[in-house]
PDB file of N, CA and C in Angstrom:
ATOM      1  N   UNK A   1     -34.679 -26.351 -12.917  1.00  0.00           N
ATOM      2  CA  UNK A   1     -33.506 -26.707 -13.700  1.00  0.00           C
ATOM      3  C   UNK A   1     -32.223 -26.358 -12.951  1.00  0.00           C
ATOM      4  N   UNK A   2     -32.214 -25.267 -12.229  1.00  0.00           N
ATOM      5  CA  UNK A   2     -31.042 -24.877 -11.451  1.00  0.00           C
ATOM      6  C   UNK A   2     -30.701 -25.908 -10.393  1.00  0.00           C
ATOM      7  N   UNK A   3     -31.720 -26.420  -9.731  1.00  0.00           N
ATOM      8  CA  UNK A   3     -31.497 -27.399  -8.670  1.00  0.00           C
ATOM      9  C   UNK A   3     -30.890 -28.668  -9.262  1.00  0.00           C
ATOM     10  N   UNK A   4     -31.453 -29.129 -10.345  1.00  0.00           N
ATOM     11  CA  UNK A   4     -30.935 -30.337 -11.004  1.00  0.00           C
ATOM     12  C   UNK A   4     -29.468 -30.148 -11.379  1.00  0.00           C
ATOM     13  N   UNK A   5     -29.138 -29.007 -11.919  1.00  0.00           N
ATOM     14  CA  UNK A   5     -27.757 -28.727 -12.306  1.00  0.00           C
ATOM     15  C   UNK A   5     -26.811 -28.743 -11.123  1.00  0.00           C
ATOM     16  N   UNK A   6     -27.232 -28.179 -10.021  1.00  0.00           N
ATOM     17  CA  UNK A   6     -26.372 -28.160  -8.829  1.00  0.00           C
ATOM     18  C   UNK A   6     -26.188 -29.565  -8.259  1.00  0.00           C
ATOM     19  N   UNK A   7     -27.261 -30.341  -8.248  1.00  0.00           N
ATOM     20  CA  UNK A   7     -27.151 -31.713  -7.763  1.00  0.00           C
ATOM     21  C   UNK A   7     -26.203 -32.530  -8.645  1.00  0.00           C
ATOM     22  N   UNK A   8     -26.357 -32.396  -9.955  1.00  0.00           N
ATOM     23  CA  UNK A   8     -25.487 -33.127 -10.880  1.00  0.00           C
ATOM     24  C   UNK A   8     -24.036 -32.680 -10.750  1.00  0.00           C
ATOM     25  N   UNK A   9     -23.800 -31.396 -10.500  1.00  0.00           N
ATOM     26  CA  UNK A   9     -22.432 -30.893 -10.337  1.00  0.00           C
ATOM     27  C   UNK A   9     -21.746 -31.558  -9.149  1.00  0.00           C
ATOM     28  N   UNK A  10     -22.471 -31.702  -8.041  1.00  0.00           N
ATOM     29  CA  UNK A  10     -21.901 -32.366  -6.863  1.00  0.00           C
ATOM     30  C   UNK A  10     -21.530 -33.807  -7.214  1.00  0.00           C
ATOM     31  N   UNK A  11     -22.407 -34.494  -7.909  1.00  0.00           N
ATOM     32  CA  UNK A  11     -22.159 -35.891  -8.257  1.00  0.00           C
ATOM     33  C   UNK A  11     -21.021 -36.035  -9.265  1.00  0.00           C
ATOM     34  N   UNK A  12     -20.919 -35.104 -10.216  1.00  0.00           N
ATOM     35  CA  UNK A  12     -19.825 -35.153 -11.201  1.00  0.00           C
ATOM     36  C   UNK A  12     -18.466 -34.935 -10.541  1.00  0.00           C
ATOM     37  N   UNK A  13     -18.421 -34.066  -9.552  1.00  0.00           N
ATOM     38  CA  UNK A  13     -17.156 -33.728  -8.899  1.00  0.00           C
ATOM     39  C   UNK A  13     -16.729 -34.769  -7.865  1.00  0.00           C
ATOM     40  N   UNK A  14     -17.636 -35.630  -7.453  1.00  0.00           N
ATOM     41  CA  UNK A  14     -17.338 -36.626  -6.419  1.00  0.00           C
ATOM     42  C   UNK A  14     -16.505 -37.763  -6.994  1.00  0.00           C
ATOM     43  N   UNK A  15     -15.719 -38.386  -6.132  1.00  0.00           N
ATOM     44  CA  UNK A  15     -14.898 -39.536  -6.535  1.00  0.00           C
ATOM     45  C   UNK A  15     -15.551 -40.852  -6.138  1.00  0.00           C
ATOM     46  N   UNK A  16     -16.794 -40.782  -5.719  1.00  0.00           N
ATOM     47  CA  UNK A  16     -17.534 -41.978  -5.325  1.00  0.00           C
ATOM     48  C   UNK A  16     -18.949 -41.582  -4.987  1.00  0.00           C
ATOM     49  N   UNK A  17     -19.709 -42.498  -4.413  1.00  0.00           N
ATOM     50  CA  UNK A  17     -21.086 -42.186  -4.020  1.00  0.00           C
ATOM     51  C   UNK A  17     -21.141 -41.016  -3.041  1.00  0.00           C
ATOM     52  N   UNK A  18     -22.202 -40.236  -3.156  1.00  0.00           N
ATOM     53  CA  UNK A  18     -22.379 -39.016  -2.364  1.00  0.00           C
ATOM     54  C   UNK A  18     -23.520 -39.221  -1.370  1.00  0.00           C
ATOM     55  N   UNK A  19     -23.305 -38.868  -0.101  1.00  0.00           N
ATOM     56  CA  UNK A  19     -24.400 -38.980   0.875  1.00  0.00           C
ATOM     57  C   UNK A  19     -25.472 -37.924   0.653  1.00  0.00           C
ATOM     58  N   UNK A  20     -26.661 -38.246   1.068  1.00  0.00           N
ATOM     59  CA  UNK A  20     -27.791 -37.312   0.959  1.00  0.00           C
ATOM     60  C   UNK A  20     -27.446 -35.954   1.556  1.00  0.00           C
ATOM     61  N   UNK A  21     -26.724 -35.933   2.672  1.00  0.00           N
ATOM     62  CA  UNK A  21     -26.391 -34.670   3.347  1.00  0.00           C
ATOM     63  C   UNK A  21     -25.601 -33.735   2.434  1.00  0.00           C
ATOM     64  N   UNK A  22     -24.743 -34.273   1.593  1.00  0.00           N
ATOM     65  CA  UNK A  22     -23.962 -33.438   0.674  1.00  0.00           C
ATOM     66  C   UNK A  22     -24.877 -32.806  -0.373  1.00  0.00           C
ATOM     67  N   UNK A  23     -25.873 -33.547  -0.811  1.00  0.00           N
ATOM     68  CA  UNK A  23     -26.828 -33.001  -1.776  1.00  0.00           C
ATOM     69  C   UNK A  23     -27.748 -31.984  -1.111  1.00  0.00           C
ATOM     70  N   UNK A  24     -28.067 -32.210   0.150  1.00  0.00           N
ATOM     71  CA  UNK A  24     -28.941 -31.285   0.877  1.00  0.00           C
ATOM     72  C   UNK A  24     -28.333 -29.890   0.985  1.00  0.00           C
ATOM     73  N   UNK A  25     -27.015 -29.799   0.982  1.00  0.00           N
ATOM     74  CA  UNK A  25     -26.348 -28.501   1.152  1.00  0.00           C
ATOM     75  C   UNK A  25     -26.412 -27.606  -0.081  1.00  0.00           C
ATOM     76  N   UNK A  26     -26.749 -28.162  -1.241  1.00  0.00           N
ATOM     77  CA  UNK A  26     -26.672 -27.355  -2.461  1.00  0.00           C
ATOM     78  C   UNK A  26     -27.928 -26.528  -2.739  1.00  0.00           C
ATOM     79  N   UNK A  27     -29.013 -26.806  -2.043  1.00  0.00           N
ATOM     80  CA  UNK A  27     -30.257 -26.053  -2.284  1.00  0.00           C
ATOM     81  C   UNK A  27     -31.030 -25.971  -0.979  1.00  0.00           C
ATOM     82  N   UNK A  28     -31.442 -24.763  -0.618  1.00  0.00           N
ATOM     83  CA  UNK A  28     -32.040 -24.512   0.698  1.00  0.00           C
ATOM     84  C   UNK A  28     -33.485 -24.999   0.837  1.00  0.00           C
ATOM     85  N   UNK A  29     -34.190 -25.166  -0.258  1.00  0.00           N
ATOM     86  CA  UNK A  29     -35.619 -25.509  -0.210  1.00  0.00           C
ATOM     87  C   UNK A  29     -35.779 -27.028  -0.331  1.00  0.00           C
ATOM     88  N   UNK A  30     -36.085 -27.721   0.761  1.00  0.00           N
ATOM     89  CA  UNK A  30     -36.080 -29.189   0.735  1.00  0.00           C
ATOM     90  C   UNK A  30     -37.092 -29.826  -0.207  1.00  0.00           C
ATOM     91  N   UNK A  31     -38.280 -29.267  -0.347  1.00  0.00           N
ATOM     92  CA  UNK A  31     -39.288 -29.876  -1.228  1.00  0.00           C
ATOM     93  C   UNK A  31     -38.840 -29.782  -2.678  1.00  0.00           C
ATOM     94  N   UNK A  32     -38.350 -28.630  -3.077  1.00  0.00           N
ATOM     95  CA  UNK A  32     -37.874 -28.442  -4.451  1.00  0.00           C
ATOM     96  C   UNK A  32     -36.655 -29.331  -4.722  1.00  0.00           C
ATOM     97  N   UNK A  33     -35.756 -29.418  -3.750  1.00  0.00           N
ATOM     98  CA  UNK A  33     -34.558 -30.246  -3.900  1.00  0.00           C
ATOM     99  C   UNK A  33     -34.942 -31.720  -4.039  1.00  0.00           C
ATOM    100  N   UNK A  34     -35.859 -32.193  -3.209  1.00  0.00           N
ATOM    101  CA  UNK A  34     -36.294 -33.589  -3.271  1.00  0.00           C
ATOM    102  C   UNK A  34     -36.975 -33.892  -4.600  1.00  0.00           C
ATOM    103  N   UNK A  35     -37.786 -32.966  -5.070  1.00  0.00           N
ATOM    104  CA  UNK A  35     -38.465 -33.151  -6.355  1.00  0.00           C
ATOM    105  C   UNK A  35     -37.444 -33.252  -7.494  1.00  0.00           C
ATOM    106  N   UNK A  36     -36.423 -32.399  -7.450  1.00  0.00           N
ATOM    107  CA  UNK A  36     -35.393 -32.417  -8.485  1.00  0.00           C
ATOM    108  C   UNK A  36     -34.614 -33.732  -8.445  1.00  0.00           C
ATOM    109  N   UNK A  37     -34.263 -34.181  -7.246  1.00  0.00           N
ATOM    110  CA  UNK A  37     -33.516 -35.431  -7.117  1.00  0.00           C
ATOM    111  C   UNK A  37     -34.359 -36.607  -7.587  1.00  0.00           C
ATOM    112  N   UNK A  38     -35.620 -36.633  -7.219  1.00  0.00           N
ATOM    113  CA  UNK A  38     -36.520 -37.697  -7.686  1.00  0.00           C
ATOM    114  C   UNK A  38     -36.612 -37.711  -9.207  1.00  0.00           C
ATOM    115  N   UNK A  39     -36.667 -36.519  -9.801  1.00  0.00           N
ATOM    116  CA  UNK A  39     -36.726 -36.424 -11.259  1.00  0.00           C
ATOM    117  C   UNK A  39     -35.457 -36.947 -11.912  1.00  0.00           C
ATOM    118  N   UNK A  40     -34.303 -36.646 -11.326  1.00  0.00           N
ATOM    119  CA  UNK A  40     -33.035 -37.137 -11.868  1.00  0.00           C
ATOM    120  C   UNK A  40     -32.961 -38.658 -11.779  1.00  0.00           C
ATOM    121  N   UNK A  41     -33.452 -39.207 -10.684  1.00  0.00           N
ATOM    122  CA  UNK A  41     -33.483 -40.665 -10.535  1.00  0.00           C
ATOM    123  C   UNK A  41     -34.442 -41.264 -11.569  1.00  0.00           C
ATOM    124  N   UNK A  42     -35.622 -40.687 -11.718  1.00  0.00           N
ATOM    125  CA  UNK A  42     -36.611 -41.179 -12.689  1.00  0.00           C
ATOM    126  C   UNK A  42     -36.091 -41.115 -14.120  1.00  0.00           C
ATOM    127  N   UNK A  43     -35.304 -40.070 -14.411  1.00  0.00           N
ATOM    128  CA  UNK A  43     -34.752 -39.899 -15.756  1.00  0.00           C
ATOM    129  C   UNK A  43     -33.535 -40.781 -16.006  1.00  0.00           C
ATOM    130  N   UNK A  44     -33.082 -41.495 -14.975  1.00  0.00           N
ATOM    131  CA  UNK A  44     -31.926 -42.370 -15.119  1.00  0.00           C
ATOM    132  C   UNK A  44     -30.594 -41.646 -15.073  1.00  0.00           C
ATOM    133  N   UNK A  45     -30.591 -40.395 -14.614  1.00  0.00           N
ATOM    134  CA  UNK A  45     -29.355 -39.612 -14.559  1.00  0.00           C
ATOM    135  C   UNK A  45     -28.627 -39.754 -13.233  1.00  0.00           C
ATOM    136  N   UNK A  46     -29.328 -40.233 -12.216  1.00  0.00           N
ATOM    137  CA  UNK A  46     -28.749 -40.444 -10.893  1.00  0.00           C
ATOM    138  C   UNK A  46     -29.207 -41.813 -10.398  1.00  0.00           C
ATOM    139  N   UNK A  47     -28.283 -42.511  -9.754  1.00  0.00           N
ATOM    140  CA  UNK A  47     -28.588 -43.851  -9.246  1.00  0.00           C
ATOM    141  C   UNK A  47     -28.587 -43.834  -7.718  1.00  0.00           C
ATOM    142  N   UNK A  48     -29.735 -44.147  -7.093  1.00  0.00           N
ATOM    143  CA  UNK A  48     -29.750 -44.249  -5.636  1.00  0.00           C
ATOM    144  C   UNK A  48     -29.078 -45.550  -5.197  1.00  0.00           C
ATOM    145  N   UNK A  49     -28.413 -45.499  -4.061  1.00  0.00           N
ATOM    146  CA  UNK A  49     -27.721 -46.665  -3.534  1.00  0.00           C
ATOM    147  C   UNK A  49     -28.138 -46.895  -2.088  1.00  0.00           C
ATOM    148  N   UNK A  50     -27.862 -48.078  -1.548  1.00  0.00           N
ATOM    149  CA  UNK A  50     -28.186 -48.325  -0.135  1.00  0.00           C
ATOM    150  C   UNK A  50     -27.477 -47.330   0.780  1.00  0.00           C
ATOM    151  N   UNK A  51     -28.091 -47.051   1.902  1.00  0.00           N
ATOM    152  CA  UNK A  51     -27.480 -46.179   2.879  1.00  0.00           C
ATOM    153  C   UNK A  51     -27.657 -44.690   2.602  1.00  0.00           C
ATOM    154  N   UNK A  52     -28.589 -44.341   1.727  1.00  0.00           N
ATOM    155  CA  UNK A  52     -28.833 -42.939   1.436  1.00  0.00           C
ATOM    156  C   UNK A  52     -27.756 -42.291   0.589  1.00  0.00           C
ATOM    157  N   UNK A  53     -27.072 -43.096  -0.226  1.00  0.00           N
ATOM    158  CA  UNK A  53     -26.025 -42.582  -1.109  1.00  0.00           C
ATOM    159  C   UNK A  53     -26.559 -42.471  -2.534  1.00  0.00           C
ATOM    160  N   UNK A  54     -25.931 -41.592  -3.310  1.00  0.00           N
ATOM    161  CA  UNK A  54     -26.301 -41.390  -4.712  1.00  0.00           C
ATOM    162  C   UNK A  54     -25.038 -41.304  -5.551  1.00  0.00           C
ATOM    163  N   UNK A  55     -25.142 -41.723  -6.811  1.00  0.00           N
ATOM    164  CA  UNK A  55     -24.026 -41.609  -7.737  1.00  0.00           C
ATOM    165  C   UNK A  55     -24.567 -41.459  -9.148  1.00  0.00           C
ATOM    166  N   UNK A  56     -23.684 -41.082 -10.049  1.00  0.00           N
ATOM    167  CA  UNK A  56     -24.034 -41.086 -11.454  1.00  0.00           C
ATOM    168  C   UNK A  56     -24.033 -42.532 -11.929  1.00  0.00           C
ATOM    169  N   UNK A  57     -24.861 -42.868 -12.896  1.00  0.00           N
ATOM    170  CA  UNK A  57     -24.870 -44.248 -13.408  1.00  0.00           C
ATOM    171  C   UNK A  57     -23.489 -44.613 -13.959  1.00  0.00           C
ATOM    172  N   UNK A  58     -23.120 -45.860 -13.814  1.00  0.00           N
ATOM    173  CA  UNK A  58     -21.795 -46.304 -14.245  1.00  0.00           C
ATOM    174  C   UNK A  58     -21.684 -46.473 -15.756  1.00  0.00           C
ATOM    175  N   UNK A  59     -22.787 -46.722 -16.434  1.00  0.00           N
ATOM    176  CA  UNK A  59     -22.713 -46.929 -17.870  1.00  0.00           C
ATOM    177  C   UNK A  59     -23.192 -45.726 -18.643  1.00  0.00           C
TER     178      UNK A  59
END
């Protein structure tokens, strides 16, 4: 839950799509971070975009 919260915080504070590298900096454990990001995408809370970018859904 902590990882998901940190990832969402980065996306909320951004003024546009966020590169994967920016999300990678918020949690040191890559497997846990990837699992959290995948879960956020599956839950519809994060939208993946071309070029390895992520954003919050527009609607």
